[in-house]
Amino acid sequence: MSLTACQTLSSGGDDKYSTAALAQNLKVGVTTPQEVRAIYGKPDYASDGPSGPEYWKYYIDRNTNNLIDSALTLLPIGGASMATDNMRNDRDLHVHFENNRVSSYSIDGKPTN
């Protein structure tokens, strides 16, 4: 039962970070920083230039992994370490801007557009 719960947590159902959702939400040369913020929230890291944002980073799996880590503290020590290694999936969304429009985006350095 606990494995099913963790799988449900990591899949998230309607994943706004899926390839299809990213392609729909982040249109190169079109999507503004305000639209990105409305969909993905405040970035975890931001680099701004004189004419607006240049780069934003979102830690996608931070909340899921924190919840999983908390749940795994209840497992016996030997099983918790192995389970954590198998279940953690740290992904980051990188969004680059030019002229206040999305110029590119990727997840963990892998272009998605």
Protein backbone atom coordinates (compact mmCIF):
# COMPACT_ATOMS: atom_id res chain seq x y z
CA MET A 1 0.00 0.00 0.00
CA SER A 2 2.76 2.50 0.82
CA LEU A 3 4.41 1.89 -2.55
CA THR A 4 1.16 2.74 -4.35
CA ALA A 5 0.83 5.93 -2.31
CA CYS A 6 4.34 7.01 -3.27
CA GLN A 7 3.72 6.26 -6.93
CA THR A 8 0.59 8.38 -6.80
CA LEU A 9 2.52 11.24 -5.19
CA SER A 10 5.25 11.25 -7.81
CA SER A 11 2.94 10.98 -10.81
CA GLY A 12 0.81 13.89 -9.64
CA GLY A 13 -2.02 13.09 -12.07
CA ASP A 14 -2.30 16.22 -14.24
CA ASP A 15 1.42 17.02 -14.42
CA LYS A 16 2.08 20.61 -15.51
CA TYR A 17 5.70 19.55 -16.03
CA SER A 18 4.94 16.84 -18.60
CA THR A 19 6.33 17.31 -22.09
CA ALA A 20 2.84 18.00 -23.48
CA ALA A 21 1.97 20.54 -20.75
CA LEU A 22 5.29 22.34 -21.14
CA ALA A 23 4.82 22.59 -24.91
CA GLN A 24 1.34 24.00 -24.38
CA ASN A 25 2.30 26.42 -21.58
CA LEU A 26 5.76 27.64 -22.65
CA LYS A 27 5.71 28.92 -26.20
CA VAL A 28 9.09 30.25 -27.34
CA GLY A 29 8.90 33.91 -28.32
CA VAL A 30 5.32 34.19 -27.04
CA THR A 31 4.95 33.31 -23.34
CA THR A 32 5.70 36.18 -20.94
CA PRO A 33 7.29 35.93 -17.47
CA GLN A 34 3.90 36.88 -15.98
CA GLU A 35 2.26 33.92 -17.72
CA VAL A 36 5.02 31.56 -16.57
CA ARG A 37 4.57 32.77 -12.98
CA ALA A 38 0.78 32.34 -13.21
CA ILE A 39 1.21 28.69 -14.21
CA TYR A 40 4.33 27.59 -12.30
CA GLY A 41 4.41 30.06 -9.43
CA LYS A 42 7.36 31.96 -8.04
CA PRO A 43 10.66 30.49 -9.29
CA ASP A 44 12.99 28.89 -6.77
CA TYR A 45 15.88 30.76 -8.38
CA ALA A 46 15.75 33.86 -10.59
CA SER A 47 18.36 35.84 -12.48
CA ASP A 48 17.16 39.21 -13.69
CA GLY A 49 18.84 41.53 -16.15
CA PRO A 50 18.32 45.24 -16.82
CA SER A 51 15.37 44.62 -19.14
CA GLY A 52 13.64 41.83 -17.17
CA PRO A 53 14.11 38.19 -16.23
CA GLU A 54 16.85 36.21 -17.94
CA TYR A 55 16.61 32.80 -16.24
CA TRP A 56 14.27 31.05 -13.83
CA LYS A 57 14.68 27.66 -12.18
CA TYR A 58 11.96 25.56 -10.57
CA TYR A 59 12.77 22.62 -8.30
CA ILE A 60 9.97 20.37 -9.53
CA ASP A 61 10.21 17.46 -7.11
CA ARG A 62 11.21 19.27 -3.92
CA ASN A 63 7.81 18.96 -2.15
CA THR A 64 7.22 15.39 -3.32
CA ASN A 65 10.68 14.30 -2.18
CA ASN A 66 10.29 15.99 1.21
CA LEU A 67 7.01 14.11 1.74
CA ILE A 68 8.58 10.82 0.63
CA ASP A 69 11.58 11.38 2.94
CA SER A 70 9.23 11.99 5.86
CA ALA A 71 7.24 8.83 5.12
CA LEU A 72 10.39 6.74 4.74
CA THR A 73 11.60 7.64 8.23
CA LEU A 74 8.95 5.20 9.43
CA LEU A 75 10.59 2.26 7.59
CA PRO A 76 13.33 0.09 9.10
CA ILE A 77 16.75 1.68 8.51
CA GLY A 78 18.00 -0.84 5.91
CA GLY A 79 14.89 -0.58 3.76
CA ALA A 80 14.59 3.19 3.99
CA SER A 81 17.95 3.90 2.36
CA MET A 82 17.32 1.57 -0.58
CA ALA A 83 13.74 2.80 -1.00
CA THR A 84 14.84 6.45 -0.98
CA ASP A 85 17.46 5.82 -3.67
CA ASN A 86 14.90 4.07 -5.87
CA MET A 87 12.10 6.61 -5.41
CA ARG A 88 13.81 10.01 -5.55
CA ASN A 89 13.58 11.69 -8.91
CA ASP A 90 14.96 15.21 -8.69
CA ARG A 91 14.01 17.26 -11.73
CA ASP A 92 14.45 20.97 -12.36
CA LEU A 93 12.67 23.16 -14.90
CA HIS A 94 14.96 25.76 -16.49
CA VAL A 95 13.30 28.69 -18.27
CA HIS A 96 15.34 31.23 -20.22
CA PHE A 97 13.96 34.62 -21.28
CA GLU A 98 14.88 37.12 -23.96
CA ASN A 99 12.99 40.41 -24.47
CA ASN A 100 10.48 39.41 -21.76
CA ARG A 101 9.48 36.24 -23.63
CA VAL A 102 10.46 32.60 -23.13
CA SER A 103 13.48 31.93 -25.35
CA SER A 104 14.02 28.28 -24.32
CA TYR A 105 13.21 25.81 -21.57
CA SER A 106 14.42 22.41 -20.46
CA ILE A 107 14.17 19.88 -17.69
CA ASP A 108 17.56 19.01 -16.21
CA GLY A 109 19.38 20.39 -19.24
CA LYS A 110 17.39 18.29 -21.71
CA PRO A 111 15.58 20.60 -24.15
CA THR A 112 11.86 19.93 -24.22
CA ASN A 113 11.00 22.26 -27.09
